[in-house]
Each structure stands twice: as C-alpha cells, then as structure tokens.
Amino acid sequence: MRANRDRILAAVELGLSNSKLEGLNSKIRLINHRGYGHHRATALIAMIYLCCGGITVELPTERVLPVGK
C-alpha cells in the first residue's frame, strides 16, 4: 500500500475507477450465458451491440386502425 500511495491518492482525487468497464464486462458475460453459447462470434457481437449500444427498438405491438373503417 505504501509503495502505491501516490497512485492511490491520484485515483481518488481524479475520480478514476474501472467500475464502468467491470459493469460492461459483467453484462457481456450475462449476454453470452443467456444465449447458451452462440454459434458464431458475429451473433454474439450483434447481441452485445443490441443490448449495450443504447439503441431503443420499439416493437409493433399495437395496430392503429384508420378512422371510419
């Protein structure tokens, strides 16, 4: 601890943390586990982008009927 004192203090002062990276890693592991293994790496990468990319996909669950018909 004494050997890394300056580094620890710098990290605390600057607010540096690897928590976001660890959270993303955990999410990717969950996606891989939930898929029971993917046949291709491209399928896993696509699922990671879909779940972690910030894209909101709205499903067409409601149909709006035209007025008067």
C-alpha atoms as a PDB file:
ATOM      1  CA  MET A   1       0.000   0.000   0.000  1.00  0.00           C
ATOM      2  CA  ARG A   2       2.829   2.378   0.810  1.00  0.00           C
ATOM      3  CA  ALA A   3       4.519   1.639  -2.498  1.00  0.00           C
ATOM      4  CA  ASN A   4       1.398   2.701  -4.420  1.00  0.00           C
ATOM      5  CA  ARG A   5       0.352   5.575  -2.159  1.00  0.00           C
ATOM      6  CA  ASP A   6       0.796   8.280  -4.812  1.00  0.00           C
ATOM      7  CA  ARG A   7      -1.151   6.289  -7.397  1.00  0.00           C
ATOM      8  CA  ILE A   8      -3.988   5.579  -4.978  1.00  0.00           C
ATOM      9  CA  LEU A   9      -4.284   9.230  -3.971  1.00  0.00           C
ATOM     10  CA  ALA A  10      -4.210  10.351  -7.609  1.00  0.00           C
ATOM     11  CA  ALA A  11      -7.008   7.903  -8.481  1.00  0.00           C
ATOM     12  CA  VAL A  12      -9.138   9.132  -5.569  1.00  0.00           C
ATOM     13  CA  GLU A  13      -8.523  12.809  -6.378  1.00  0.00           C
ATOM     14  CA  LEU A  14      -9.292  12.381 -10.086  1.00  0.00           C
ATOM     15  CA  GLY A  15     -12.241  10.058  -9.533  1.00  0.00           C
ATOM     16  CA  LEU A  16     -10.759   7.303 -11.668  1.00  0.00           C
ATOM     17  CA  SER A  17     -12.343   3.885 -11.477  1.00  0.00           C
ATOM     18  CA  ASN A  18     -12.737   0.823 -13.636  1.00  0.00           C
ATOM     19  CA  SER A  19     -16.305   0.278 -12.441  1.00  0.00           C
ATOM     20  CA  LYS A  20     -17.865   1.078 -15.832  1.00  0.00           C
ATOM     21  CA  LEU A  21     -15.571  -1.395 -17.548  1.00  0.00           C
ATOM     22  CA  GLU A  22     -16.310  -4.079 -14.950  1.00  0.00           C
ATOM     23  CA  GLY A  23     -20.039  -3.453 -15.351  1.00  0.00           C
ATOM     24  CA  LEU A  24     -19.812  -3.794 -19.125  1.00  0.00           C
ATOM     25  CA  ASN A  25     -17.772  -6.984 -18.761  1.00  0.00           C
ATOM     26  CA  SER A  26     -20.414  -8.419 -16.432  1.00  0.00           C
ATOM     27  CA  LYS A  27     -23.183  -7.507 -18.867  1.00  0.00           C
ATOM     28  CA  ILE A  28     -21.338  -9.161 -21.775  1.00  0.00           C
ATOM     29  CA  ARG A  29     -20.831 -12.341 -19.754  1.00  0.00           C
ATOM     30  CA  LEU A  30     -24.538 -12.379 -18.912  1.00  0.00           C
ATOM     31  CA  ILE A  31     -25.483 -11.944 -22.592  1.00  0.00           C
ATOM     32  CA  ASN A  32     -23.212 -14.835 -23.559  1.00  0.00           C
ATOM     33  CA  HIS A  33     -24.580 -17.067 -20.800  1.00  0.00           C
ATOM     34  CA  ARG A  34     -28.187 -16.162 -21.553  1.00  0.00           C
ATOM     35  CA  GLY A  35     -27.676 -17.153 -25.199  1.00  0.00           C
ATOM     36  CA  TYR A  36     -26.444 -20.623 -24.178  1.00  0.00           C
ATOM     37  CA  GLY A  37     -23.401 -20.044 -26.359  1.00  0.00           C
ATOM     38  CA  HIS A  38     -23.617 -18.574 -29.817  1.00  0.00           C
ATOM     39  CA  HIS A  39     -22.800 -20.476 -32.995  1.00  0.00           C
ATOM     40  CA  ARG A  40     -20.874 -17.566 -34.451  1.00  0.00           C
ATOM     41  CA  ALA A  41     -18.933 -14.703 -32.946  1.00  0.00           C
ATOM     42  CA  THR A  42     -20.843 -12.277 -35.165  1.00  0.00           C
ATOM     43  CA  ALA A  43     -24.114 -13.306 -33.500  1.00  0.00           C
ATOM     44  CA  LEU A  44     -22.661 -12.596 -30.047  1.00  0.00           C
ATOM     45  CA  ILE A  45     -21.226  -9.255 -31.188  1.00  0.00           C
ATOM     46  CA  ALA A  46     -24.590  -8.258 -32.680  1.00  0.00           C
ATOM     47  CA  MET A  47     -26.352  -9.144 -29.416  1.00  0.00           C
ATOM     48  CA  ILE A  48     -23.814  -7.109 -27.421  1.00  0.00           C
ATOM     49  CA  TYR A  49     -24.386  -4.084 -29.656  1.00  0.00           C
ATOM     50  CA  LEU A  50     -28.148  -4.522 -29.357  1.00  0.00           C
ATOM     51  CA  CYS A  51     -28.107  -4.782 -25.561  1.00  0.00           C
ATOM     52  CA  CYS A  52     -25.315  -2.302 -24.758  1.00  0.00           C
ATOM     53  CA  GLY A  53     -25.421   0.120 -27.665  1.00  0.00           C
ATOM     54  CA  GLY A  54     -28.145   2.372 -26.335  1.00  0.00           C
ATOM     55  CA  ILE A  55     -30.477   1.620 -29.227  1.00  0.00           C
ATOM     56  CA  THR A  56     -34.170   1.547 -28.365  1.00  0.00           C
ATOM     57  CA  VAL A  57     -36.175  -0.819 -30.517  1.00  0.00           C
ATOM     58  CA  GLU A  58     -39.929  -0.305 -30.466  1.00  0.00           C
ATOM     59  CA  LEU A  59     -41.889  -3.376 -31.408  1.00  0.00           C
ATOM     60  CA  PRO A  60     -45.094  -3.010 -33.433  1.00  0.00           C
ATOM     61  CA  THR A  61     -47.372  -4.342 -30.707  1.00  0.00           C
ATOM     62  CA  GLU A  62     -50.357  -2.089 -31.319  1.00  0.00           C
ATOM     63  CA  ARG A  63     -52.067  -1.522 -34.611  1.00  0.00           C
ATOM     64  CA  VAL A  64     -53.775   1.775 -35.177  1.00  0.00           C
ATOM     65  CA  LEU A  65     -56.870   1.346 -37.311  1.00  0.00           C
ATOM     66  CA  PRO A  66     -57.886   4.141 -39.670  1.00  0.00           C
ATOM     67  CA  VAL A  67     -60.850   6.230 -38.512  1.00  0.00           C
ATOM     68  CA  GLY A  68     -64.128   5.420 -40.261  1.00  0.00           C
ATOM     69  CA  LYS A  69     -63.442   1.816 -41.192  1.00  0.00           C
END
